[in-house]
Amino acid sequence: MAWIKMIPEAQAEGKLKELYTRLTTRHGIVDHILKIHSLNPPSLSGHYELYKTLMCGRSGLSRAQREMIAVVVSSANRCHY
């Protein structure tokens, strides 16, 4: 859990609400790694675009390989992935 103030989905307004709507998972939540940017919607948008490029953009690595790298990095950082 982040120690950064995060705006909950129910309290989001304007651009943040639009981003939350777009980034809501199939489980009906916005991941905490994205919500830590809730006080700065342009930062949230940039973070997501970077993630999307790294995980889905053209690369010599497969999506599975990228996910494996993400799991190892999260584990090394003691972060729940």
PDB file of N, CA and C in Angstrom:
ATOM      1  N   MET A   1       0.842  -1.173   0.000  1.00  0.00           N
ATOM      2  CA  MET A   1       0.000   0.000   0.000  1.00  0.00           C
ATOM      3  C   MET A   1       0.888   1.237   0.000  1.00  0.00           C
ATOM      4  N   ALA A   2       0.563   2.190  -0.827  1.00  0.00           N
ATOM      5  CA  ALA A   2       1.333   3.423  -0.932  1.00  0.00           C
ATOM      6  C   ALA A   2       1.128   4.301   0.298  1.00  0.00           C
ATOM      7  N   TRP A   3       2.134   5.071   0.634  1.00  0.00           N
ATOM      8  CA  TRP A   3       2.038   6.034   1.720  1.00  0.00           C
ATOM      9  C   TRP A   3       1.801   7.423   1.143  1.00  0.00           C
ATOM     10  N   ILE A   4       1.395   7.447  -0.084  1.00  0.00           N
ATOM     11  CA  ILE A   4       1.139   8.682  -0.806  1.00  0.00           C
ATOM     12  C   ILE A   4      -0.370   8.899  -0.820  1.00  0.00           C
ATOM     13  N   LYS A   5      -0.801  10.142  -0.601  1.00  0.00           N
ATOM     14  CA  LYS A   5      -2.233  10.431  -0.644  1.00  0.00           C
ATOM     15  C   LYS A   5      -2.768  10.076  -2.024  1.00  0.00           C
ATOM     16  N   MET A   6      -3.835   9.305  -2.041  1.00  0.00           N
ATOM     17  CA  MET A   6      -4.460   8.889  -3.295  1.00  0.00           C
ATOM     18  C   MET A   6      -5.932   9.262  -3.258  1.00  0.00           C
ATOM     19  N   ILE A   7      -6.435   9.731  -4.374  1.00  0.00           N
ATOM     20  CA  ILE A   7      -7.849  10.063  -4.481  1.00  0.00           C
ATOM     21  C   ILE A   7      -8.595   8.795  -4.877  1.00  0.00           C
ATOM     22  N   PRO A   8      -9.567   8.369  -4.063  1.00  0.00           N
ATOM     23  CA  PRO A   8     -10.343   7.170  -4.399  1.00  0.00           C
ATOM     24  C   PRO A   8     -11.182   7.390  -5.659  1.00  0.00           C
ATOM     25  N   GLU A   9     -11.533   6.308  -6.302  1.00  0.00           N
ATOM     26  CA  GLU A   9     -12.324   6.371  -7.532  1.00  0.00           C
ATOM     27  C   GLU A   9     -13.606   7.177  -7.337  1.00  0.00           C
ATOM     28  N   ALA A  10     -14.286   6.979  -6.228  1.00  0.00           N
ATOM     29  CA  ALA A  10     -15.570   7.638  -5.973  1.00  0.00           C
ATOM     30  C   ALA A  10     -15.437   9.154  -5.817  1.00  0.00           C
ATOM     31  N   GLN A  11     -14.228   9.641  -5.517  1.00  0.00           N
ATOM     32  CA  GLN A  11     -14.021  11.076  -5.315  1.00  0.00           C
ATOM     33  C   GLN A  11     -13.347  11.745  -6.506  1.00  0.00           C
ATOM     34  N   ALA A  12     -13.012  10.987  -7.512  1.00  0.00           N
ATOM     35  CA  ALA A  12     -12.324  11.548  -8.676  1.00  0.00           C
ATOM     36  C   ALA A  12     -13.259  12.454  -9.470  1.00  0.00           C
ATOM     37  N   GLU A  13     -12.685  13.529  -9.997  1.00  0.00           N
ATOM     38  CA  GLU A  13     -13.439  14.477 -10.814  1.00  0.00           C
ATOM     39  C   GLU A  13     -12.623  14.850 -12.047  1.00  0.00           C
ATOM     40  N   GLY A  14     -13.299  15.365 -13.063  1.00  0.00           N
ATOM     41  CA  GLY A  14     -12.641  15.907 -14.240  1.00  0.00           C
ATOM     42  C   GLY A  14     -11.745  14.909 -14.952  1.00  0.00           C
ATOM     43  N   LYS A  15     -10.531  15.378 -15.287  1.00  0.00           N
ATOM     44  CA  LYS A  15      -9.571  14.562 -16.035  1.00  0.00           C
ATOM     45  C   LYS A  15      -9.212  13.284 -15.282  1.00  0.00           C
ATOM     46  N   LEU A  16      -9.081  13.380 -13.957  1.00  0.00           N
ATOM     47  CA  LEU A  16      -8.753  12.189 -13.167  1.00  0.00           C
ATOM     48  C   LEU A  16      -9.859  11.153 -13.290  1.00  0.00           C
ATOM     49  N   LYS A  17     -11.107  11.592 -13.217  1.00  0.00           N
ATOM     50  CA  LYS A  17     -12.227  10.666 -13.354  1.00  0.00           C
ATOM     51  C   LYS A  17     -12.209   9.999 -14.724  1.00  0.00           C
ATOM     52  N   GLU A  18     -11.908  10.767 -15.773  1.00  0.00           N
ATOM     53  CA  GLU A  18     -11.807  10.202 -17.124  1.00  0.00           C
ATOM     54  C   GLU A  18     -10.711   9.133 -17.187  1.00  0.00           C
ATOM     55  N   LEU A  19      -9.555   9.435 -16.595  1.00  0.00           N
ATOM     56  CA  LEU A  19      -8.451   8.467 -16.595  1.00  0.00           C
ATOM     57  C   LEU A  19      -8.809   7.223 -15.801  1.00  0.00           C
ATOM     58  N   TYR A  20      -9.400   7.409 -14.631  1.00  0.00           N
ATOM     59  CA  TYR A  20      -9.807   6.268 -13.821  1.00  0.00           C
ATOM     60  C   TYR A  20     -10.779   5.380 -14.590  1.00  0.00           C
ATOM     61  N   THR A  21     -11.727   5.994 -15.274  1.00  0.00           N
ATOM     62  CA  THR A  21     -12.696   5.212 -16.053  1.00  0.00           C
ATOM     63  C   THR A  21     -11.978   4.377 -17.106  1.00  0.00           C
ATOM     64  N   ARG A  22     -11.003   4.967 -17.770  1.00  0.00           N
ATOM     65  CA  ARG A  22     -10.256   4.270 -18.818  1.00  0.00           C
ATOM     66  C   ARG A  22      -9.352   3.187 -18.244  1.00  0.00           C
ATOM     67  N   LEU A  23      -8.836   3.387 -17.031  1.00  0.00           N
ATOM     68  CA  LEU A  23      -7.828   2.485 -16.468  1.00  0.00           C
ATOM     69  C   LEU A  23      -8.383   1.497 -15.443  1.00  0.00           C
ATOM     70  N   THR A  24      -9.689   1.477 -15.267  1.00  0.00           N
ATOM     71  CA  THR A  24     -10.304   0.528 -14.329  1.00  0.00           C
ATOM     72  C   THR A  24     -10.112  -0.892 -14.854  1.00  0.00           C
ATOM     73  N   THR A  25      -9.668  -1.780 -13.969  1.00  0.00           N
ATOM     74  CA  THR A  25      -9.438  -3.175 -14.352  1.00  0.00           C
ATOM     75  C   THR A  25     -10.764  -3.910 -14.491  1.00  0.00           C
ATOM     76  N   ARG A  26     -10.686  -5.116 -14.994  1.00  0.00           N
ATOM     77  CA  ARG A  26     -11.902  -5.925 -15.110  1.00  0.00           C
ATOM     78  C   ARG A  26     -12.475  -6.281 -13.741  1.00  0.00           C
ATOM     79  N   HIS A  27     -11.680  -6.077 -12.687  1.00  0.00           N
ATOM     80  CA  HIS A  27     -12.141  -6.316 -11.326  1.00  0.00           C
ATOM     81  C   HIS A  27     -12.799  -5.076 -10.726  1.00  0.00           C
ATOM     82  N   GLY A  28     -12.875  -3.995 -11.508  1.00  0.00           N
ATOM     83  CA  GLY A  28     -13.557  -2.785 -11.069  1.00  0.00           C
ATOM     84  C   GLY A  28     -12.742  -1.848 -10.204  1.00  0.00           C
ATOM     85  N   ILE A  29     -11.404  -1.962 -10.269  1.00  0.00           N
ATOM     86  CA  ILE A  29     -10.531  -1.092  -9.470  1.00  0.00           C
ATOM     87  C   ILE A  29      -9.495  -0.420 -10.363  1.00  0.00           C
ATOM     88  N   VAL A  30      -8.873   0.608  -9.826  1.00  0.00           N
ATOM     89  CA  VAL A  30      -7.697   1.211 -10.454  1.00  0.00           C
ATOM     90  C   VAL A  30      -6.510   0.763  -9.614  1.00  0.00           C
ATOM     91  N   ASP A  31      -5.504   0.188 -10.249  1.00  0.00           N
ATOM     92  CA  ASP A  31      -4.343  -0.322  -9.517  1.00  0.00           C
ATOM     93  C   ASP A  31      -3.667   0.793  -8.713  1.00  0.00           C
ATOM     94  N   HIS A  32      -3.186   0.451  -7.518  1.00  0.00           N
ATOM     95  CA  HIS A  32      -2.517   1.432  -6.652  1.00  0.00           C
ATOM     96  C   HIS A  32      -1.318   2.072  -7.341  1.00  0.00           C
ATOM     97  N   ILE A  33      -0.591   1.315  -8.146  1.00  0.00           N
ATOM     98  CA  ILE A  33       0.583   1.870  -8.818  1.00  0.00           C
ATOM     99  C   ILE A  33       0.200   3.034  -9.724  1.00  0.00           C
ATOM    100  N   LEU A  34      -1.025   3.059 -10.190  1.00  0.00           N
ATOM    101  CA  LEU A  34      -1.518   4.185 -10.984  1.00  0.00           C
ATOM    102  C   LEU A  34      -2.132   5.256 -10.084  1.00  0.00           C
ATOM    103  N   LYS A  35      -2.844   4.841  -9.040  1.00  0.00           N
ATOM    104  CA  LYS A  35      -3.515   5.810  -8.172  1.00  0.00           C
ATOM    105  C   LYS A  35      -2.551   6.695  -7.393  1.00  0.00           C
ATOM    106  N   ILE A  36      -1.278   6.284  -7.261  1.00  0.00           N
ATOM    107  CA  ILE A  36      -0.334   7.157  -6.560  1.00  0.00           C
ATOM    108  C   ILE A  36      -0.115   8.460  -7.331  1.00  0.00           C
ATOM    109  N   HIS A  37      -0.528   8.497  -8.582  1.00  0.00           N
ATOM    110  CA  HIS A  37      -0.416   9.708  -9.400  1.00  0.00           C
ATOM    111  C   HIS A  37      -1.702  10.540  -9.373  1.00  0.00           C
ATOM    112  N   SER A  38      -2.659  10.185  -8.540  1.00  0.00           N
ATOM    113  CA  SER A  38      -3.982  10.802  -8.605  1.00  0.00           C
ATOM    114  C   SER A  38      -3.981  12.306  -8.345  1.00  0.00           C
ATOM    115  N   LEU A  39      -2.991  12.819  -7.645  1.00  0.00           N
ATOM    116  CA  LEU A  39      -2.928  14.266  -7.425  1.00  0.00           C
ATOM    117  C   LEU A  39      -2.357  15.006  -8.635  1.00  0.00           C
ATOM    118  N   ASN A  40      -1.870  14.243  -9.619  1.00  0.00           N
ATOM    119  CA  ASN A  40      -1.255  14.840 -10.809  1.00  0.00           C
ATOM    120  C   ASN A  40      -1.668  14.025 -12.030  1.00  0.00           C
ATOM    121  N   PRO A  41      -2.871  14.254 -12.566  1.00  0.00           N
ATOM    122  CA  PRO A  41      -3.352  13.451 -13.688  1.00  0.00           C
ATOM    123  C   PRO A  41      -2.402  13.380 -14.901  1.00  0.00           C
ATOM    124  N   PRO A  42      -1.676  14.466 -15.267  1.00  0.00           N
ATOM    125  CA  PRO A  42      -0.732  14.306 -16.383  1.00  0.00           C
ATOM    126  C   PRO A  42       0.360  13.270 -16.077  1.00  0.00           C
ATOM    127  N   SER A  43       0.770  13.190 -14.817  1.00  0.00           N
ATOM    128  CA  SER A  43       1.747  12.181 -14.411  1.00  0.00           C
ATOM    129  C   SER A  43       1.151  10.777 -14.537  1.00  0.00           C
ATOM    130  N   LEU A  44      -0.106  10.618 -14.143  1.00  0.00           N
ATOM    131  CA  LEU A  44      -0.802   9.338 -14.271  1.00  0.00           C
ATOM    132  C   LEU A  44      -0.860   8.912 -15.733  1.00  0.00           C
ATOM    133  N   SER A  45      -1.246   9.832 -16.586  1.00  0.00           N
ATOM    134  CA  SER A  45      -1.339   9.531 -18.014  1.00  0.00           C
ATOM    135  C   SER A  45       0.027   9.132 -18.574  1.00  0.00           C
ATOM    136  N   GLY A  46       1.073   9.888 -18.217  1.00  0.00           N
ATOM    137  CA  GLY A  46       2.429   9.578 -18.682  1.00  0.00           C
ATOM    138  C   GLY A  46       2.920   8.236 -18.188  1.00  0.00           C
ATOM    139  N   HIS A  47       2.639   7.926 -16.918  1.00  0.00           N
ATOM    140  CA  HIS A  47       3.045   6.638 -16.350  1.00  0.00           C
ATOM    141  C   HIS A  47       2.395   5.496 -17.127  1.00  0.00           C
ATOM    142  N   TYR A  48       1.105   5.634 -17.397  1.00  0.00           N
ATOM    143  CA  TYR A  48       0.411   4.563 -18.100  1.00  0.00           C
ATOM    144  C   TYR A  48       0.927   4.411 -19.529  1.00  0.00           C
ATOM    145  N   GLU A  49       1.185   5.520 -20.200  1.00  0.00           N
ATOM    146  CA  GLU A  49       1.702   5.445 -21.576  1.00  0.00           C
ATOM    147  C   GLU A  49       3.077   4.777 -21.594  1.00  0.00           C
ATOM    148  N   LEU A  50       3.929   5.086 -20.615  1.00  0.00           N
ATOM    149  CA  LEU A  50       5.236   4.440 -20.526  1.00  0.00           C
ATOM    150  C   LEU A  50       5.062   2.939 -20.300  1.00  0.00           C
ATOM    151  N   TYR A  51       4.200   2.569 -19.359  1.00  0.00           N
ATOM    152  CA  TYR A  51       3.943   1.153 -19.085  1.00  0.00           C
ATOM    153  C   TYR A  51       3.462   0.439 -20.349  1.00  0.00           C
ATOM    154  N   LYS A  52       2.492   1.044 -21.028  1.00  0.00           N
ATOM    155  CA  LYS A  52       1.919   0.423 -22.226  1.00  0.00           C
ATOM    156  C   LYS A  52       2.991   0.236 -23.302  1.00  0.00           C
ATOM    157  N   THR A  53       3.867   1.216 -23.458  1.00  0.00           N
ATOM    158  CA  THR A  53       4.939   1.111 -24.447  1.00  0.00           C
ATOM    159  C   THR A  53       5.921   0.008 -24.067  1.00  0.00           C
ATOM    160  N   LEU A  54       6.300  -0.033 -22.789  1.00  0.00           N
ATOM    161  CA  LEU A  54       7.262  -1.045 -22.350  1.00  0.00           C
ATOM    162  C   LEU A  54       6.710  -2.455 -22.446  1.00  0.00           C
ATOM    163  N   MET A  55       5.446  -2.625 -22.100  1.00  0.00           N
ATOM    164  CA  MET A  55       4.876  -3.966 -22.056  1.00  0.00           C
ATOM    165  C   MET A  55       4.261  -4.417 -23.378  1.00  0.00           C
ATOM    166  N   CYS A  56       3.827  -3.486 -24.203  1.00  0.00           N
ATOM    167  CA  CYS A  56       3.102  -3.869 -25.423  1.00  0.00           C
ATOM    168  C   CYS A  56       3.734  -3.350 -26.705  1.00  0.00           C
ATOM    169  N   GLY A  57       4.713  -2.464 -26.590  1.00  0.00           N
ATOM    170  CA  GLY A  57       5.333  -1.888 -27.777  1.00  0.00           C
ATOM    171  C   GLY A  57       6.270  -2.869 -28.464  1.00  0.00           C
ATOM    172  N   ARG A  58       6.782  -2.455 -29.606  1.00  0.00           N
ATOM    173  CA  ARG A  58       7.710  -3.296 -30.360  1.00  0.00           C
ATOM    174  C   ARG A  58       8.963  -3.566 -29.535  1.00  0.00           C
ATOM    175  N   SER A  59       9.395  -4.816 -29.544  1.00  0.00           N
ATOM    176  CA  SER A  59      10.542  -5.220 -28.737  1.00  0.00           C
ATOM    177  C   SER A  59      11.039  -6.574 -29.200  1.00  0.00           C
ATOM    178  N   GLY A  60      12.281  -6.850 -28.877  1.00  0.00           N
ATOM    179  CA  GLY A  60      12.833  -8.172 -29.127  1.00  0.00           C
ATOM    180  C   GLY A  60      12.397  -9.181 -28.078  1.00  0.00           C
ATOM    181  N   LEU A  61      11.718  -8.702 -27.040  1.00  0.00           N
ATOM    182  CA  LEU A  61      11.225  -9.580 -25.978  1.00  0.00           C
ATOM    183  C   LEU A  61       9.745  -9.854 -26.171  1.00  0.00           C
ATOM    184  N   SER A  62       9.338 -11.061 -25.841  1.00  0.00           N
ATOM    185  CA  SER A  62       7.916 -11.395 -25.897  1.00  0.00           C
ATOM    186  C   SER A  62       7.204 -10.772 -24.699  1.00  0.00           C
ATOM    187  N   ARG A  63       5.889 -10.735 -24.757  1.00  0.00           N
ATOM    188  CA  ARG A  63       5.115 -10.214 -23.630  1.00  0.00           C
ATOM    189  C   ARG A  63       5.374 -11.061 -22.387  1.00  0.00           C
ATOM    190  N   ALA A  64       5.467 -12.371 -22.560  1.00  0.00           N
ATOM    191  CA  ALA A  64       5.732 -13.263 -21.428  1.00  0.00           C
ATOM    192  C   ALA A  64       7.091 -12.958 -20.796  1.00  0.00           C
ATOM    193  N   GLN A  65       8.102 -12.701 -21.615  1.00  0.00           N
ATOM    194  CA  GLN A  65       9.422 -12.368 -21.081  1.00  0.00           C
ATOM    195  C   GLN A  65       9.383 -11.051 -20.308  1.00  0.00           C
ATOM    196  N   ARG A  66       8.666 -10.092 -20.839  1.00  0.00           N
ATOM    197  CA  ARG A  66       8.550  -8.800 -20.148  1.00  0.00           C
ATOM    198  C   ARG A  66       7.841  -8.974 -18.808  1.00  0.00           C
ATOM    199  N   GLU A  67       6.793  -9.785 -18.783  1.00  0.00           N
ATOM    200  CA  GLU A  67       6.082 -10.034 -17.528  1.00  0.00           C
ATOM    201  C   GLU A  67       6.995 -10.742 -16.525  1.00  0.00           C
ATOM    202  N   MET A  68       7.817 -11.682 -17.007  1.00  0.00           N
ATOM    203  CA  MET A  68       8.746 -12.377 -16.111  1.00  0.00           C
ATOM    204  C   MET A  68       9.750 -11.396 -15.507  1.00  0.00           C
ATOM    205  N   ILE A  69      10.254 -10.482 -16.315  1.00  0.00           N
ATOM    206  CA  ILE A  69      11.179  -9.462 -15.816  1.00  0.00           C
ATOM    207  C   ILE A  69      10.483  -8.609 -14.761  1.00  0.00           C
ATOM    208  N   ALA A  70       9.246  -8.213 -15.018  1.00  0.00           N
ATOM    209  CA  ALA A  70       8.493  -7.392 -14.064  1.00  0.00           C
ATOM    210  C   ALA A  70       8.305  -8.131 -12.740  1.00  0.00           C
ATOM    211  N   VAL A  71       8.037  -9.425 -12.798  1.00  0.00           N
ATOM    212  CA  VAL A  71       7.857 -10.216 -11.577  1.00  0.00           C
ATOM    213  C   VAL A  71       9.163 -10.282 -10.791  1.00  0.00           C
ATOM    214  N   VAL A  72      10.280 -10.505 -11.465  1.00  0.00           N
ATOM    215  CA  VAL A  72      11.579 -10.594 -10.789  1.00  0.00           C
ATOM    216  C   VAL A  72      11.939  -9.252 -10.141  1.00  0.00           C
ATOM    217  N   VAL A  73      11.737  -8.164 -10.873  1.00  0.00           N
ATOM    218  CA  VAL A  73      12.041  -6.835 -10.331  1.00  0.00           C
ATOM    219  C   VAL A  73      11.155  -6.544  -9.125  1.00  0.00           C
ATOM    220  N   SER A  74       9.875  -6.850  -9.228  1.00  0.00           N
ATOM    221  CA  SER A  74       8.966  -6.630  -8.096  1.00  0.00           C
ATOM    222  C   SER A  74       9.390  -7.462  -6.883  1.00  0.00           C
ATOM    223  N   SER A  75       9.786  -8.698  -7.121  1.00  0.00           N
ATOM    224  CA  SER A  75      10.236  -9.553  -6.041  1.00  0.00           C
ATOM    225  C   SER A  75      11.500  -8.992  -5.391  1.00  0.00           C
ATOM    226  N   ALA A  76      12.442  -8.559  -6.204  1.00  0.00           N
ATOM    227  CA  ALA A  76      13.687  -7.983  -5.680  1.00  0.00           C
ATOM    228  C   ALA A  76      13.408  -6.724  -4.859  1.00  0.00           C
ATOM    229  N   ASN A  77      12.377  -5.988  -5.233  1.00  0.00           N
ATOM    230  CA  ASN A  77      11.990  -4.779  -4.510  1.00  0.00           C
ATOM    231  C   ASN A  77      11.017  -5.053  -3.368  1.00  0.00           C
ATOM    232  N   ARG A  78      10.719  -6.343  -3.147  1.00  0.00           N
ATOM    233  CA  ARG A  78       9.751  -6.752  -2.124  1.00  0.00           C
ATOM    234  C   ARG A  78       8.407  -6.053  -2.314  1.00  0.00           C
ATOM    235  N   CYS A  79       8.003  -5.985  -3.573  1.00  0.00           N
ATOM    236  CA  CYS A  79       6.751  -5.347  -3.951  1.00  0.00           C
ATOM    237  C   CYS A  79       5.790  -6.421  -4.444  1.00  0.00           C
ATOM    238  N   HIS A  80       4.567  -6.403  -3.959  1.00  0.00           N
ATOM    239  CA  HIS A  80       3.564  -7.371  -4.429  1.00  0.00           C
ATOM    240  C   HIS A  80       3.199  -7.012  -5.856  1.00  0.00           C
ATOM    241  N   TYR A  81       3.406  -7.917  -6.744  1.00  0.00           N
ATOM    242  CA  TYR A  81       3.162  -7.675  -8.163  1.00  0.00           C
ATOM    243  C   TYR A  81       1.763  -8.053  -8.534  1.00  0.00           C
TER     244      TYR A  81
END
